[in-house]
Amino acid sequence: MTDLKFEEGKAYRTRGGWKATVVKICPDARYPVTIWHDYDKSVSIGCVSHHLENGKVSGGRGEDSSYDITSEWKELRVGYMNVYRYDKHGLYLLVSIPHLTRKEADNNASPRRVACIKVTEGQFDD
């Protein structure tokens, strides 16, 4: 699954995309890596799970889980883009540079803007 070397206190990304922090490593345990998952900061919900050294979550039957650890955590950049109608055929075009905040995008928008979208780094990668 992964060639990561887990370290206590270090953050990793789960298959589900949320931040998971190693809270304890017990090398002799059946599932040696204990992880705290921060998967919904808006309501302060998280959970603890136990993992194999390869990042797979305990209790699985070998299939992939959204709790599996896939990589080291990297803060993603977020920007806001204004969307404008391009022509009378209903096509839309992003003609805005990414703005760091929604307020900045709103302040730089023309009255012809039809939407403002939040774009996260890697969101449209294959």
C-alpha atoms as a PDB file:
ATOM      1  CA  MET A   1       0.000   0.000   0.000  1.00  0.00           C
ATOM      2  CA  THR A   2       2.517   2.611   1.091  1.00  0.00           C
ATOM      3  CA  ASP A   3       6.237   2.860   1.775  1.00  0.00           C
ATOM      4  CA  LEU A   4       5.783   5.566   4.400  1.00  0.00           C
ATOM      5  CA  LYS A   5       7.651   5.438   7.670  1.00  0.00           C
ATOM      6  CA  PHE A   6       5.176   6.500  10.323  1.00  0.00           C
ATOM      7  CA  GLU A   7       6.246   8.921  13.043  1.00  0.00           C
ATOM      8  CA  GLU A   8       4.339   9.917  16.169  1.00  0.00           C
ATOM      9  CA  GLY A   9       2.907  13.413  15.863  1.00  0.00           C
ATOM     10  CA  LYS A  10       3.243  13.507  12.068  1.00  0.00           C
ATOM     11  CA  ALA A  11       0.217  14.043   9.802  1.00  0.00           C
ATOM     12  CA  TYR A  12      -0.750  11.878   6.819  1.00  0.00           C
ATOM     13  CA  ARG A  13      -3.526  11.885   4.189  1.00  0.00           C
ATOM     14  CA  THR A  14      -6.151   9.156   4.138  1.00  0.00           C
ATOM     15  CA  ARG A  15      -7.716   7.618   1.054  1.00  0.00           C
ATOM     16  CA  GLY A  16     -10.816   9.642   2.036  1.00  0.00           C
ATOM     17  CA  GLY A  17      -8.755  12.852   1.786  1.00  0.00           C
ATOM     18  CA  TRP A  18      -8.743  13.949   5.407  1.00  0.00           C
ATOM     19  CA  LYS A  19      -5.894  14.638   7.768  1.00  0.00           C
ATOM     20  CA  ALA A  20      -4.803  11.795  10.054  1.00  0.00           C
ATOM     21  CA  THR A  21      -2.197  12.203  12.779  1.00  0.00           C
ATOM     22  CA  VAL A  22      -0.187   9.354  14.300  1.00  0.00           C
ATOM     23  CA  VAL A  23      -0.748   9.467  18.050  1.00  0.00           C
ATOM     24  CA  LYS A  24       1.039   6.258  19.090  1.00  0.00           C
ATOM     25  CA  ILE A  25       3.248   3.562  17.584  1.00  0.00           C
ATOM     26  CA  CYS A  26       3.458   0.210  19.361  1.00  0.00           C
ATOM     27  CA  PRO A  27       5.772  -1.980  17.212  1.00  0.00           C
ATOM     28  CA  ASP A  28       4.765  -5.249  18.922  1.00  0.00           C
ATOM     29  CA  ALA A  29       0.994  -4.745  18.585  1.00  0.00           C
ATOM     30  CA  ARG A  30      -1.122  -6.522  15.974  1.00  0.00           C
ATOM     31  CA  TYR A  31      -2.041  -3.086  14.567  1.00  0.00           C
ATOM     32  CA  PRO A  32       0.965  -0.986  15.629  1.00  0.00           C
ATOM     33  CA  VAL A  33      -0.067   2.464  14.377  1.00  0.00           C
ATOM     34  CA  THR A  34      -2.793   4.435  16.194  1.00  0.00           C
ATOM     35  CA  ILE A  35      -4.212   7.347  14.194  1.00  0.00           C
ATOM     36  CA  TRP A  36      -6.471  10.306  15.020  1.00  0.00           C
ATOM     37  CA  HIS A  37      -8.623  11.299  12.003  1.00  0.00           C
ATOM     38  CA  ASP A  38      -9.786  14.915  11.626  1.00  0.00           C
ATOM     39  CA  TYR A  39     -12.402  14.326   8.986  1.00  0.00           C
ATOM     40  CA  ASP A  40     -14.989  16.990   9.717  1.00  0.00           C
ATOM     41  CA  LYS A  41     -13.577  20.098  11.344  1.00  0.00           C
ATOM     42  CA  SER A  42     -16.843  21.988  10.813  1.00  0.00           C
ATOM     43  CA  VAL A  43     -18.427  19.967  13.609  1.00  0.00           C
ATOM     44  CA  SER A  44     -15.226  18.853  15.376  1.00  0.00           C
ATOM     45  CA  ILE A  45     -15.799  15.189  14.610  1.00  0.00           C
ATOM     46  CA  GLY A  46     -12.939  12.762  14.410  1.00  0.00           C
ATOM     47  CA  CYS A  47     -12.120   9.215  15.371  1.00  0.00           C
ATOM     48  CA  VAL A  48      -9.278   6.916  16.338  1.00  0.00           C
ATOM     49  CA  SER A  49      -8.311   3.941  14.205  1.00  0.00           C
ATOM     50  CA  HIS A  50      -5.584   1.328  14.285  1.00  0.00           C
ATOM     51  CA  HIS A  51      -3.434   0.490  11.280  1.00  0.00           C
ATOM     52  CA  LEU A  52      -0.907  -1.989   9.989  1.00  0.00           C
ATOM     53  CA  GLU A  53       2.597  -0.740   9.212  1.00  0.00           C
ATOM     54  CA  ASN A  54       1.602  -0.507   5.527  1.00  0.00           C
ATOM     55  CA  GLY A  55      -1.162   2.029   6.285  1.00  0.00           C
ATOM     56  CA  LYS A  56      -4.138  -0.329   5.949  1.00  0.00           C
ATOM     57  CA  VAL A  57      -6.817   0.176   8.590  1.00  0.00           C
ATOM     58  CA  SER A  58      -7.581  -2.675  10.999  1.00  0.00           C
ATOM     59  CA  GLY A  59     -10.757  -4.696  10.574  1.00  0.00           C
ATOM     60  CA  GLY A  60     -10.652  -4.672   6.798  1.00  0.00           C
ATOM     61  CA  ARG A  61     -10.750  -7.758   4.635  1.00  0.00           C
ATOM     62  CA  GLY A  62      -8.031  -6.524   2.324  1.00  0.00           C
ATOM     63  CA  GLU A  63     -10.237  -4.110   0.382  1.00  0.00           C
ATOM     64  CA  ASP A  64      -9.437  -0.411   0.237  1.00  0.00           C
ATOM     65  CA  SER A  65     -10.893   1.811   2.953  1.00  0.00           C
ATOM     66  CA  SER A  66     -11.303   5.573   3.134  1.00  0.00           C
ATOM     67  CA  TYR A  67      -9.368   5.304   6.443  1.00  0.00           C
ATOM     68  CA  ASP A  68      -6.240   3.821   4.790  1.00  0.00           C
ATOM     69  CA  ILE A  69      -3.156   6.058   4.924  1.00  0.00           C
ATOM     70  CA  THR A  70      -1.947   6.918   1.422  1.00  0.00           C
ATOM     71  CA  SER A  71       0.636   9.716   1.727  1.00  0.00           C
ATOM     72  CA  GLU A  72       2.152  12.383   3.926  1.00  0.00           C
ATOM     73  CA  TRP A  73      -0.149  15.326   4.676  1.00  0.00           C
ATOM     74  CA  LYS A  74       0.366  18.414   2.567  1.00  0.00           C
ATOM     75  CA  GLU A  75      -1.753  21.519   3.027  1.00  0.00           C
ATOM     76  CA  LEU A  76      -3.663  22.129  -0.201  1.00  0.00           C
ATOM     77  CA  ARG A  77      -3.931  25.560  -1.721  1.00  0.00           C
ATOM     78  CA  VAL A  78      -7.438  26.918  -2.205  1.00  0.00           C
ATOM     79  CA  GLY A  79      -8.559  29.727  -4.473  1.00  0.00           C
ATOM     80  CA  TYR A  80     -11.759  31.290  -5.771  1.00  0.00           C
ATOM     81  CA  MET A  81     -12.479  31.874  -9.458  1.00  0.00           C
ATOM     82  CA  ASN A  82     -15.106  34.087 -11.027  1.00  0.00           C
ATOM     83  CA  VAL A  83     -17.163  32.568 -13.856  1.00  0.00           C
ATOM     84  CA  TYR A  84     -18.579  34.632 -16.706  1.00  0.00           C
ATOM     85  CA  ARG A  85     -20.952  33.750 -19.531  1.00  0.00           C
ATOM     86  CA  TYR A  86     -18.900  33.645 -22.733  1.00  0.00           C
ATOM     87  CA  ASP A  87     -21.543  33.959 -25.439  1.00  0.00           C
ATOM     88  CA  LYS A  88     -25.241  33.580 -26.201  1.00  0.00           C
ATOM     89  CA  HIS A  89     -24.849  29.810 -26.770  1.00  0.00           C
ATOM     90  CA  GLY A  90     -24.657  29.202 -23.047  1.00  0.00           C
ATOM     91  CA  LEU A  91     -20.949  28.511 -22.804  1.00  0.00           C
ATOM     92  CA  TYR A  92     -19.177  29.551 -19.628  1.00  0.00           C
ATOM     93  CA  LEU A  93     -15.587  30.583 -19.239  1.00  0.00           C
ATOM     94  CA  LEU A  94     -13.294  31.094 -16.270  1.00  0.00           C
ATOM     95  CA  VAL A  95     -11.635  34.406 -17.015  1.00  0.00           C
ATOM     96  CA  SER A  96     -10.406  35.135 -13.552  1.00  0.00           C
ATOM     97  CA  ILE A  97      -7.108  34.606 -11.838  1.00  0.00           C
ATOM     98  CA  PRO A  98      -7.456  32.591  -8.638  1.00  0.00           C
ATOM     99  CA  HIS A  99      -8.179  34.808  -5.665  1.00  0.00           C
ATOM    100  CA  LEU A 100      -7.060  33.802  -2.179  1.00  0.00           C
ATOM    101  CA  THR A 101     -10.413  34.583  -0.560  1.00  0.00           C
ATOM    102  CA  ARG A 102     -14.044  34.699  -1.632  1.00  0.00           C
ATOM    103  CA  LYS A 103     -14.179  38.346  -0.553  1.00  0.00           C
ATOM    104  CA  GLU A 104     -11.254  39.175  -2.851  1.00  0.00           C
ATOM    105  CA  ALA A 105     -12.987  37.389  -5.754  1.00  0.00           C
ATOM    106  CA  ASP A 106     -16.220  39.273  -5.048  1.00  0.00           C
ATOM    107  CA  ASN A 107     -14.380  42.603  -4.922  1.00  0.00           C
ATOM    108  CA  ASN A 108     -12.711  41.931  -8.303  1.00  0.00           C
ATOM    109  CA  ALA A 109     -15.786  40.595 -10.092  1.00  0.00           C
ATOM    110  CA  SER A 110     -17.604  42.470 -12.808  1.00  0.00           C
ATOM    111  CA  PRO A 111     -21.399  42.724 -12.743  1.00  0.00           C
ATOM    112  CA  ARG A 112     -21.525  40.078 -15.507  1.00  0.00           C
ATOM    113  CA  ARG A 113     -20.241  37.334 -13.183  1.00  0.00           C
ATOM    114  CA  VAL A 114     -22.616  34.355 -13.051  1.00  0.00           C
ATOM    115  CA  ALA A 115     -20.836  32.362 -10.325  1.00  0.00           C
ATOM    116  CA  CYS A 116     -17.831  32.159  -8.062  1.00  0.00           C
ATOM    117  CA  ILE A 117     -16.359  28.702  -7.484  1.00  0.00           C
ATOM    118  CA  LYS A 118     -13.961  27.393  -4.876  1.00  0.00           C
ATOM    119  CA  VAL A 119     -11.054  25.490  -6.427  1.00  0.00           C
ATOM    120  CA  THR A 120      -8.778  23.206  -4.405  1.00  0.00           C
ATOM    121  CA  GLU A 121      -5.305  22.210  -5.587  1.00  0.00           C
ATOM    122  CA  GLY A 122      -5.479  18.857  -7.356  1.00  0.00           C
ATOM    123  CA  GLN A 123      -9.281  18.929  -7.562  1.00  0.00           C
ATOM    124  CA  PHE A 124      -9.306  18.362 -11.320  1.00  0.00           C
ATOM    125  CA  ASP A 125      -6.278  16.094 -11.593  1.00  0.00           C
ATOM    126  CA  ASP A 126      -6.837  12.698 -13.172  1.00  0.00           C
END
